[in-house]
Amino acid sequence: TLRPVVVGFGPCGIFAALVLAQMGCKPIVLERGTQVRER
């Protein structure tokens, strides 16, 4: 089964991805920007 995709890793994307991961859904997050320290 295809893994769920989350577009964006702001507050909404963080919690969507985290809760999906906590339920075992192994999400793929696509974030257009960089990691927070580089950012």
PDB file of all heavy atoms in Angstrom:
ATOM      1  N   THR A   1       0.853  -1.194   0.000  1.00  0.00           N
ATOM      2  CA  THR A   1       0.000   0.000   0.000  1.00  0.00           C
ATOM      3  C   THR A   1       0.884   1.238   0.000  1.00  0.00           C
ATOM      4  O   THR A   1       1.895   1.298   0.720  1.00  0.00           O
ATOM      5  CB  THR A   1      -0.908   0.018   1.248  1.00  0.00           C
ATOM      6  OG1 THR A   1      -1.762  -1.137   1.210  1.00  0.00           O
ATOM      7  CG2 THR A   1      -1.770   1.269   1.286  1.00  0.00           C
ATOM      8  N   LEU A   2       0.532   2.230  -0.800  1.00  0.00           N
ATOM      9  CA  LEU A   2       1.319   3.466  -0.861  1.00  0.00           C
ATOM     10  C   LEU A   2       1.286   4.182   0.486  1.00  0.00           C
ATOM     11  O   LEU A   2       0.248   4.255   1.154  1.00  0.00           O
ATOM     12  CB  LEU A   2       0.753   4.392  -1.939  1.00  0.00           C
ATOM     13  CG  LEU A   2       0.908   3.915  -3.390  1.00  0.00           C
ATOM     14  CD1 LEU A   2       0.141   4.840  -4.331  1.00  0.00           C
ATOM     15  CD2 LEU A   2       2.384   3.873  -3.776  1.00  0.00           C
ATOM     16  N   ARG A   3       2.424   4.710   0.874  1.00  0.00           N
ATOM     17  CA  ARG A   3       2.510   5.459   2.126  1.00  0.00           C
ATOM     18  C   ARG A   3       1.843   6.832   1.979  1.00  0.00           C
ATOM     19  O   ARG A   3       1.842   7.414   0.884  1.00  0.00           O
ATOM     20  CB  ARG A   3       3.980   5.631   2.525  1.00  0.00           C
ATOM     21  CG  ARG A   3       4.670   4.317   2.827  1.00  0.00           C
ATOM     22  CD  ARG A   3       6.177   4.425   2.703  1.00  0.00           C
ATOM     23  NE  ARG A   3       6.749   5.305   3.710  1.00  0.00           N
ATOM     24  CZ  ARG A   3       8.054   5.594   3.767  1.00  0.00           C
ATOM     25  NH1 ARG A   3       8.894   5.087   2.868  1.00  0.00           N
ATOM     26  NH2 ARG A   3       8.508   6.401   4.712  1.00  0.00           N
ATOM     27  N   PRO A   4       1.288   7.379   3.048  1.00  0.00           N
ATOM     28  CA  PRO A   4       0.700   8.715   2.960  1.00  0.00           C
ATOM     29  C   PRO A   4       1.779   9.775   2.765  1.00  0.00           C
ATOM     30  O   PRO A   4       2.908   9.620   3.257  1.00  0.00           O
ATOM     31  CB  PRO A   4      -0.009   8.885   4.305  1.00  0.00           C
ATOM     32  CG  PRO A   4       0.717   7.976   5.239  1.00  0.00           C
ATOM     33  CD  PRO A   4       1.153   6.806   4.400  1.00  0.00           C
ATOM     34  N   VAL A   5       1.429  10.833   2.049  1.00  0.00           N
ATOM     35  CA  VAL A   5       2.364  11.922   1.780  1.00  0.00           C
ATOM     36  C   VAL A   5       1.841  13.192   2.467  1.00  0.00           C
ATOM     37  O   VAL A   5       0.654  13.517   2.363  1.00  0.00           O
ATOM     38  CB  VAL A   5       2.505  12.166   0.264  1.00  0.00           C
ATOM     39  CG1 VAL A   5       3.347  13.409  -0.015  1.00  0.00           C
ATOM     40  CG2 VAL A   5       3.127  10.942  -0.401  1.00  0.00           C
ATOM     41  N   VAL A   6       2.728  13.876   3.147  1.00  0.00           N
ATOM     42  CA  VAL A   6       2.406  15.158   3.775  1.00  0.00           C
ATOM     43  C   VAL A   6       3.224  16.233   3.077  1.00  0.00           C
ATOM     44  O   VAL A   6       4.456  16.138   3.021  1.00  0.00           O
ATOM     45  CB  VAL A   6       2.727  15.150   5.287  1.00  0.00           C
ATOM     46  CG1 VAL A   6       2.396  16.502   5.915  1.00  0.00           C
ATOM     47  CG2 VAL A   6       1.955  14.036   5.998  1.00  0.00           C
ATOM     48  N   VAL A   7       2.555  17.245   2.544  1.00  0.00           N
ATOM     49  CA  VAL A   7       3.243  18.343   1.864  1.00  0.00           C
ATOM     50  C   VAL A   7       3.330  19.522   2.821  1.00  0.00           C
ATOM     51  O   VAL A   7       2.330  20.149   3.148  1.00  0.00           O
ATOM     52  CB  VAL A   7       2.504  18.755   0.577  1.00  0.00           C
ATOM     53  CG1 VAL A   7       3.280  19.864  -0.143  1.00  0.00           C
ATOM     54  CG2 VAL A   7       2.319  17.556  -0.343  1.00  0.00           C
ATOM     55  N   GLY A   8       4.546  19.805   3.289  1.00  0.00           N
ATOM     56  CA  GLY A   8       4.772  20.895   4.232  1.00  0.00           C
ATOM     57  C   GLY A   8       5.087  20.379   5.618  1.00  0.00           C
ATOM     58  O   GLY A   8       4.459  19.423   6.101  1.00  0.00           O
ATOM     59  N   PHE A   9       6.074  21.012   6.282  1.00  0.00           N
ATOM     60  CA  PHE A   9       6.484  20.564   7.611  1.00  0.00           C
ATOM     61  C   PHE A   9       6.489  21.724   8.595  1.00  0.00           C
ATOM     62  O   PHE A   9       7.411  21.911   9.373  1.00  0.00           O
ATOM     63  CB  PHE A   9       7.858  19.892   7.542  1.00  0.00           C
ATOM     64  CG  PHE A   9       8.124  18.934   8.677  1.00  0.00           C
ATOM     65  CD1 PHE A   9       7.277  17.878   8.934  1.00  0.00           C
ATOM     66  CD2 PHE A   9       9.232  19.101   9.493  1.00  0.00           C
ATOM     67  CE1 PHE A   9       7.526  16.995   9.978  1.00  0.00           C
ATOM     68  CE2 PHE A   9       9.504  18.227  10.543  1.00  0.00           C
ATOM     69  CZ  PHE A   9       8.647  17.176  10.784  1.00  0.00           C
ATOM     70  N   GLY A  10       5.412  22.526   8.537  1.00  0.00           N
ATOM     71  CA  GLY A  10       5.152  23.501   9.578  1.00  0.00           C
ATOM     72  C   GLY A  10       4.390  22.835  10.709  1.00  0.00           C
ATOM     73  O   GLY A  10       4.317  21.597  10.773  1.00  0.00           O
ATOM     74  N   PRO A  11       3.788  23.607  11.615  1.00  0.00           N
ATOM     75  CA  PRO A  11       3.082  23.002  12.756  1.00  0.00           C
ATOM     76  C   PRO A  11       2.041  21.965  12.353  1.00  0.00           C
ATOM     77  O   PRO A  11       1.956  20.898  12.958  1.00  0.00           O
ATOM     78  CB  PRO A  11       2.445  24.205  13.444  1.00  0.00           C
ATOM     79  CG  PRO A  11       3.344  25.343  13.111  1.00  0.00           C
ATOM     80  CD  PRO A  11       3.824  25.077  11.716  1.00  0.00           C
ATOM     81  N   CYS A  12       1.262  22.248  11.320  1.00  0.00           N
ATOM     82  CA  CYS A  12       0.248  21.293  10.874  1.00  0.00           C
ATOM     83  C   CYS A  12       0.901  20.035  10.322  1.00  0.00           C
ATOM     84  O   CYS A  12       0.527  18.913  10.685  1.00  0.00           O
ATOM     85  CB  CYS A  12      -0.647  21.949   9.824  1.00  0.00           C
ATOM     86  SG  CYS A  12      -1.927  20.850   9.176  1.00  0.00           S
ATOM     87  N   GLY A  13       1.880  20.198   9.432  1.00  0.00           N
ATOM     88  CA  GLY A  13       2.550  19.046   8.850  1.00  0.00           C
ATOM     89  C   GLY A  13       3.313  18.222   9.862  1.00  0.00           C
ATOM     90  O   GLY A  13       3.362  16.988   9.774  1.00  0.00           O
ATOM     91  N   ILE A  14       3.925  18.899  10.835  1.00  0.00           N
ATOM     92  CA  ILE A  14       4.661  18.186  11.889  1.00  0.00           C
ATOM     93  C   ILE A  14       3.737  17.236  12.639  1.00  0.00           C
ATOM     94  O   ILE A  14       4.059  16.058  12.848  1.00  0.00           O
ATOM     95  CB  ILE A  14       5.314  19.186  12.866  1.00  0.00           C
ATOM     96  CG1 ILE A  14       6.516  19.860  12.205  1.00  0.00           C
ATOM     97  CG2 ILE A  14       5.734  18.488  14.152  1.00  0.00           C
ATOM     98  CD1 ILE A  14       7.114  20.983  13.039  1.00  0.00           C
ATOM     99  N   PHE A  15       2.565  17.751  13.051  1.00  0.00           N
ATOM    100  CA  PHE A  15       1.670  16.902  13.842  1.00  0.00           C
ATOM    101  C   PHE A  15       0.940  15.882  12.989  1.00  0.00           C
ATOM    102  O   PHE A  15       0.669  14.765  13.467  1.00  0.00           O
ATOM    103  CB  PHE A  15       0.704  17.771  14.649  1.00  0.00           C
ATOM    104  CG  PHE A  15       1.335  18.298  15.899  1.00  0.00           C
ATOM    105  CD1 PHE A  15       1.944  19.530  15.917  1.00  0.00           C
ATOM    106  CD2 PHE A  15       1.374  17.530  17.048  1.00  0.00           C
ATOM    107  CE1 PHE A  15       2.564  20.010  17.060  1.00  0.00           C
ATOM    108  CE2 PHE A  15       1.990  17.983  18.198  1.00  0.00           C
ATOM    109  CZ  PHE A  15       2.590  19.235  18.207  1.00  0.00           C
ATOM    110  N   ALA A  16       0.634  16.221  11.743  1.00  0.00           N
ATOM    111  CA  ALA A  16       0.049  15.215  10.863  1.00  0.00           C
ATOM    112  C   ALA A  16       1.020  14.059  10.672  1.00  0.00           C
ATOM    113  O   ALA A  16       0.643  12.878  10.784  1.00  0.00           O
ATOM    114  CB  ALA A  16      -0.311  15.844   9.519  1.00  0.00           C
ATOM    115  N   ALA A  17       2.282  14.375  10.389  1.00  0.00           N
ATOM    116  CA  ALA A  17       3.287  13.334  10.170  1.00  0.00           C
ATOM    117  C   ALA A  17       3.572  12.548  11.445  1.00  0.00           C
ATOM    118  O   ALA A  17       3.695  11.316  11.415  1.00  0.00           O
ATOM    119  CB  ALA A  17       4.570  13.970   9.643  1.00  0.00           C
ATOM    120  N   LEU A  18       3.679  13.256  12.564  1.00  0.00           N
ATOM    121  CA  LEU A  18       3.999  12.590  13.824  1.00  0.00           C
ATOM    122  C   LEU A  18       2.904  11.605  14.218  1.00  0.00           C
ATOM    123  O   LEU A  18       3.188  10.445  14.577  1.00  0.00           O
ATOM    124  CB  LEU A  18       4.192  13.621  14.926  1.00  0.00           C
ATOM    125  CG  LEU A  18       4.497  13.086  16.319  1.00  0.00           C
ATOM    126  CD1 LEU A  18       5.811  12.317  16.322  1.00  0.00           C
ATOM    127  CD2 LEU A  18       4.548  14.223  17.340  1.00  0.00           C
ATOM    128  N   VAL A  19       1.650  12.029  14.141  1.00  0.00           N
ATOM    129  CA  VAL A  19       0.553  11.137  14.535  1.00  0.00           C
ATOM    130  C   VAL A  19       0.409   9.978  13.556  1.00  0.00           C
ATOM    131  O   VAL A  19       0.165   8.838  13.967  1.00  0.00           O
ATOM    132  CB  VAL A  19      -0.763  11.938  14.666  1.00  0.00           C
ATOM    133  CG1 VAL A  19      -1.960  11.014  14.836  1.00  0.00           C
ATOM    134  CG2 VAL A  19      -0.678  12.886  15.860  1.00  0.00           C
ATOM    135  N   LEU A  20       0.587  10.244  12.272  1.00  0.00           N
ATOM    136  CA  LEU A  20       0.594   9.136  11.310  1.00  0.00           C
ATOM    137  C   LEU A  20       1.704   8.140  11.649  1.00  0.00           C
ATOM    138  O   LEU A  20       1.495   6.914  11.612  1.00  0.00           O
ATOM    139  CB  LEU A  20       0.788   9.670   9.897  1.00  0.00           C
ATOM    140  CG  LEU A  20      -0.433  10.318   9.228  1.00  0.00           C
ATOM    141  CD1 LEU A  20      -0.021  11.005   7.934  1.00  0.00           C
ATOM    142  CD2 LEU A  20      -1.521   9.277   8.954  1.00  0.00           C
ATOM    143  N   ALA A  21       2.876   8.654  11.974  1.00  0.00           N
ATOM    144  CA  ALA A  21       4.000   7.772  12.325  1.00  0.00           C
ATOM    145  C   ALA A  21       3.695   6.994  13.604  1.00  0.00           C
ATOM    146  O   ALA A  21       4.011   5.799  13.702  1.00  0.00           O
ATOM    147  CB  ALA A  21       5.271   8.589  12.483  1.00  0.00           C
ATOM    148  N   GLN A  22       3.087   7.657  14.574  1.00  0.00           N
ATOM    149  CA  GLN A  22       2.754   6.986  15.831  1.00  0.00           C
ATOM    150  C   GLN A  22       1.720   5.880  15.621  1.00  0.00           C
ATOM    151  O   GLN A  22       1.664   4.930  16.397  1.00  0.00           O
ATOM    152  CB  GLN A  22       2.261   8.007  16.851  1.00  0.00           C
ATOM    153  CG  GLN A  22       3.365   8.923  17.360  1.00  0.00           C
ATOM    154  CD  GLN A  22       2.850  10.078  18.208  1.00  0.00           C
ATOM    155  OE1 GLN A  22       1.661  10.436  18.155  1.00  0.00           O
ATOM    156  NE2 GLN A  22       3.727  10.677  19.000  1.00  0.00           N
ATOM    157  N   MET A  23       0.910   6.002  14.573  1.00  0.00           N
ATOM    158  CA  MET A  23      -0.065   4.956  14.240  1.00  0.00           C
ATOM    159  C   MET A  23       0.516   3.908  13.292  1.00  0.00           C
ATOM    160  O   MET A  23      -0.186   3.004  12.865  1.00  0.00           O
ATOM    161  CB  MET A  23      -1.326   5.588  13.639  1.00  0.00           C
ATOM    162  CG  MET A  23      -2.147   6.375  14.644  1.00  0.00           C
ATOM    163  SD  MET A  23      -3.760   6.937  14.002  1.00  0.00           S
ATOM    164  CE  MET A  23      -3.248   8.272  12.927  1.00  0.00           C
ATOM    165  N   GLY A  24       1.798   4.070  12.923  1.00  0.00           N
ATOM    166  CA  GLY A  24       2.457   3.087  12.078  1.00  0.00           C
ATOM    167  C   GLY A  24       2.297   3.296  10.592  1.00  0.00           C
ATOM    168  O   GLY A  24       2.596   2.393   9.797  1.00  0.00           O
ATOM    169  N   CYS A  25       1.883   4.512  10.172  1.00  0.00           N
ATOM    170  CA  CYS A  25       1.588   4.753   8.756  1.00  0.00           C
ATOM    171  C   CYS A  25       2.796   5.177   7.929  1.00  0.00           C
ATOM    172  O   CYS A  25       2.684   5.361   6.716  1.00  0.00           O
ATOM    173  CB  CYS A  25       0.484   5.806   8.632  1.00  0.00           C
ATOM    174  SG  CYS A  25      -1.130   5.235   9.174  1.00  0.00           S
ATOM    175  N   LYS A  26       3.945   5.407   8.565  1.00  0.00           N
ATOM    176  CA  LYS A  26       5.213   5.678   7.871  1.00  0.00           C
ATOM    177  C   LYS A  26       5.090   6.772   6.790  1.00  0.00           C
ATOM    178  O   LYS A  26       5.338   6.526   5.603  1.00  0.00           O
ATOM    179  CB  LYS A  26       5.769   4.395   7.255  1.00  0.00           C
ATOM    180  CG  LYS A  26       5.987   3.263   8.252  1.00  0.00           C
ATOM    181  CD  LYS A  26       6.589   2.044   7.597  1.00  0.00           C
ATOM    182  CE  LYS A  26       6.704   0.876   8.569  1.00  0.00           C
ATOM    183  NZ  LYS A  26       7.542   1.172   9.741  1.00  0.00           N
ATOM    184  N   PRO A  27       4.723   7.977   7.174  1.00  0.00           N
ATOM    185  CA  PRO A  27       4.485   9.036   6.186  1.00  0.00           C
ATOM    186  C   PRO A  27       5.764   9.490   5.489  1.00  0.00           C
ATOM    187  O   PRO A  27       6.866   9.382   6.030  1.00  0.00           O
ATOM    188  CB  PRO A  27       3.907  10.171   7.029  1.00  0.00           C
ATOM    189  CG  PRO A  27       4.517   9.969   8.379  1.00  0.00           C
ATOM    190  CD  PRO A  27       4.554   8.468   8.550  1.00  0.00           C
ATOM    191  N   ILE A  28       5.589  10.013   4.281  1.00  0.00           N
ATOM    192  CA  ILE A  28       6.662  10.700   3.559  1.00  0.00           C
ATOM    193  C   ILE A  28       6.317  12.184   3.564  1.00  0.00           C
ATOM    194  O   ILE A  28       5.244  12.587   3.113  1.00  0.00           O
ATOM    195  CB  ILE A  28       6.777  10.201   2.111  1.00  0.00           C
ATOM    196  CG1 ILE A  28       7.130   8.713   2.089  1.00  0.00           C
ATOM    197  CG2 ILE A  28       7.811  11.010   1.338  1.00  0.00           C
ATOM    198  CD1 ILE A  28       7.061   8.103   0.700  1.00  0.00           C
ATOM    199  N   VAL A  29       7.215  13.009   4.090  1.00  0.00           N
ATOM    200  CA  VAL A  29       7.000  14.449   4.158  1.00  0.00           C
ATOM    201  C   VAL A  29       7.828  15.132   3.079  1.00  0.00           C
ATOM    202  O   VAL A  29       9.035  14.866   2.957  1.00  0.00           O
ATOM    203  CB  VAL A  29       7.368  15.017   5.546  1.00  0.00           C
ATOM    204  CG1 VAL A  29       7.185  16.539   5.575  1.00  0.00           C
ATOM    205  CG2 VAL A  29       6.524  14.358   6.637  1.00  0.00           C
ATOM    206  N   LEU A  30       7.196  16.001   2.317  1.00  0.00           N
ATOM    207  CA  LEU A  30       7.887  16.810   1.315  1.00  0.00           C
ATOM    208  C   LEU A  30       7.904  18.251   1.786  1.00  0.00           C
ATOM    209  O   LEU A  30       6.851  18.889   1.911  1.00  0.00           O
ATOM    210  CB  LEU A  30       7.176  16.702  -0.036  1.00  0.00           C
ATOM    211  CG  LEU A  30       6.986  15.284  -0.593  1.00  0.00           C
ATOM    212  CD1 LEU A  30       6.168  15.331  -1.882  1.00  0.00           C
ATOM    213  CD2 LEU A  30       8.336  14.617  -0.849  1.00  0.00           C
ATOM    214  N   GLU A  31       9.078  18.786   2.084  1.00  0.00           N
ATOM    215  CA  GLU A  31       9.224  20.168   2.547  1.00  0.00           C
ATOM    216  C   GLU A  31      10.118  20.917   1.571  1.00  0.00           C
ATOM    217  O   GLU A  31      11.244  20.508   1.313  1.00  0.00           O
ATOM    218  CB  GLU A  31       9.828  20.196   3.955  1.00  0.00           C
ATOM    219  CG  GLU A  31      10.284  21.558   4.441  1.00  0.00           C
ATOM    220  CD  GLU A  31       9.206  22.630   4.358  1.00  0.00           C
ATOM    221  OE1 GLU A  31       8.111  22.414   4.922  1.00  0.00           O
ATOM    222  OE2 GLU A  31       9.460  23.675   3.718  1.00  0.00           O
ATOM    223  N   ARG A  32       9.608  22.019   1.030  1.00  0.00           N
ATOM    224  CA  ARG A  32      10.358  22.760   0.010  1.00  0.00           C
ATOM    225  C   ARG A  32      11.595  23.447   0.573  1.00  0.00           C
ATOM    226  O   ARG A  32      12.560  23.701  -0.144  1.00  0.00           O
ATOM    227  CB  ARG A  32       9.444  23.789  -0.656  1.00  0.00           C
ATOM    228  CG  ARG A  32       9.026  24.916   0.276  1.00  0.00           C
ATOM    229  CD  ARG A  32       7.960  25.799  -0.355  1.00  0.00           C
ATOM    230  NE  ARG A  32       8.446  26.500  -1.532  1.00  0.00           N
ATOM    231  CZ  ARG A  32       7.651  27.152  -2.379  1.00  0.00           C
ATOM    232  NH1 ARG A  32       6.348  27.163  -2.182  1.00  0.00           N
ATOM    233  NH2 ARG A  32       8.161  27.780  -3.409  1.00  0.00           N
ATOM    234  N   GLY A  33      11.579  23.767   1.853  1.00  0.00           N
ATOM    235  CA  GLY A  33      12.699  24.459   2.469  1.00  0.00           C
ATOM    236  C   GLY A  33      13.748  23.518   3.031  1.00  0.00           C
ATOM    237  O   GLY A  33      13.761  22.322   2.751  1.00  0.00           O
ATOM    238  N   THR A  34      14.623  24.091   3.846  1.00  0.00           N
ATOM    239  CA  THR A  34      15.762  23.343   4.380  1.00  0.00           C
ATOM    240  C   THR A  34      15.542  22.997   5.849  1.00  0.00           C
ATOM    241  O   THR A  34      14.568  23.425   6.472  1.00  0.00           O
ATOM    242  CB  THR A  34      17.048  24.177   4.249  1.00  0.00           C
ATOM    243  OG1 THR A  34      16.843  25.444   4.897  1.00  0.00           O
ATOM    244  CG2 THR A  34      17.387  24.419   2.795  1.00  0.00           C
ATOM    245  N   GLN A  35      16.478  22.203   6.406  1.00  0.00           N
ATOM    246  CA  GLN A  35      16.429  21.880   7.825  1.00  0.00           C
ATOM    247  C   GLN A  35      16.595  23.151   8.661  1.00  0.00           C
ATOM    248  O   GLN A  35      17.171  24.134   8.212  1.00  0.00           O
ATOM    249  CB  GLN A  35      17.500  20.861   8.181  1.00  0.00           C
ATOM    250  CG  GLN A  35      17.253  19.502   7.563  1.00  0.00           C
ATOM    251  CD  GLN A  35      18.158  18.424   8.131  1.00  0.00           C
ATOM    252  OE1 GLN A  35      18.697  18.559   9.231  1.00  0.00           O
ATOM    253  NE2 GLN A  35      18.319  17.347   7.375  1.00  0.00           N
ATOM    254  N   VAL A  36      16.108  23.097   9.886  1.00  0.00           N
ATOM    255  CA  VAL A  36      15.877  24.320  10.643  1.00  0.00           C
ATOM    256  C   VAL A  36      17.142  25.136  10.897  1.00  0.00           C
ATOM    257  O   VAL A  36      17.109  26.371  10.853  1.00  0.00           O
ATOM    258  CB  VAL A  36      15.133  24.000  11.958  1.00  0.00           C
ATOM    259  CG1 VAL A  36      16.012  23.202  12.923  1.00  0.00           C
ATOM    260  CG2 VAL A  36      14.610  25.269  12.611  1.00  0.00           C
ATOM    261  N   ARG A  37      18.279  24.505  11.119  1.00  0.00           N
ATOM    262  CA  ARG A  37      19.477  25.286  11.407  1.00  0.00           C
ATOM    263  C   ARG A  37      20.033  25.948  10.147  1.00  0.00           C
ATOM    264  O   ARG A  37      20.492  27.095  10.186  1.00  0.00           O
ATOM    265  CB  ARG A  37      20.515  24.423  12.115  1.00  0.00           C
ATOM    266  CG  ARG A  37      20.025  23.979  13.488  1.00  0.00           C
ATOM    267  CD  ARG A  37      21.076  23.339  14.340  1.00  0.00           C
ATOM    268  NE  ARG A  37      20.468  22.885  15.590  1.00  0.00           N
ATOM    269  CZ  ARG A  37      20.333  23.626  16.689  1.00  0.00           C
ATOM    270  NH1 ARG A  37      20.786  24.868  16.687  1.00  0.00           N
ATOM    271  NH2 ARG A  37      19.759  23.139  17.775  1.00  0.00           N
ATOM    272  N   GLU A  38      19.994  25.229   9.031  1.00  0.00           N
ATOM    273  CA  GLU A  38      20.377  25.842   7.764  1.00  0.00           C
ATOM    274  C   GLU A  38      19.392  26.957   7.412  1.00  0.00           C
ATOM    275  O   GLU A  38      19.779  28.021   6.930  1.00  0.00           O
ATOM    276  CB  GLU A  38      20.398  24.792   6.659  1.00  0.00           C
ATOM    277  CG  GLU A  38      20.793  25.338   5.293  1.00  0.00           C
ATOM    278  CD  GLU A  38      20.773  24.281   4.217  1.00  0.00           C
ATOM    279  OE1 GLU A  38      20.724  23.075   4.554  1.00  0.00           O
ATOM    280  OE2 GLU A  38      20.784  24.656   3.018  1.00  0.00           O
ATOM    281  N   ARG A  39      18.123  26.680   7.667  1.00  0.00           N
ATOM    282  CA  ARG A  39      17.088  27.670   7.398  1.00  0.00           C
ATOM    283  C   ARG A  39      17.285  28.927   8.237  1.00  0.00           C
ATOM    284  O   ARG A  39      17.057  30.053   7.778  1.00  0.00           O
ATOM    285  CB  ARG A  39      15.724  27.045   7.706  1.00  0.00           C
ATOM    286  CG  ARG A  39      14.562  27.978   7.530  1.00  0.00           C
ATOM    287  CD  ARG A  39      13.318  27.357   8.117  1.00  0.00           C
ATOM    288  NE  ARG A  39      12.218  28.299   8.018  1.00  0.00           N
ATOM    289  CZ  ARG A  39      11.145  28.249   8.775  1.00  0.00           C
ATOM    290  NH1 ARG A  39      11.011  27.301   9.679  1.00  0.00           N
ATOM    291  NH2 ARG A  39      10.183  29.140   8.635  1.00  0.00           N
TER     292      ARG A  39
END
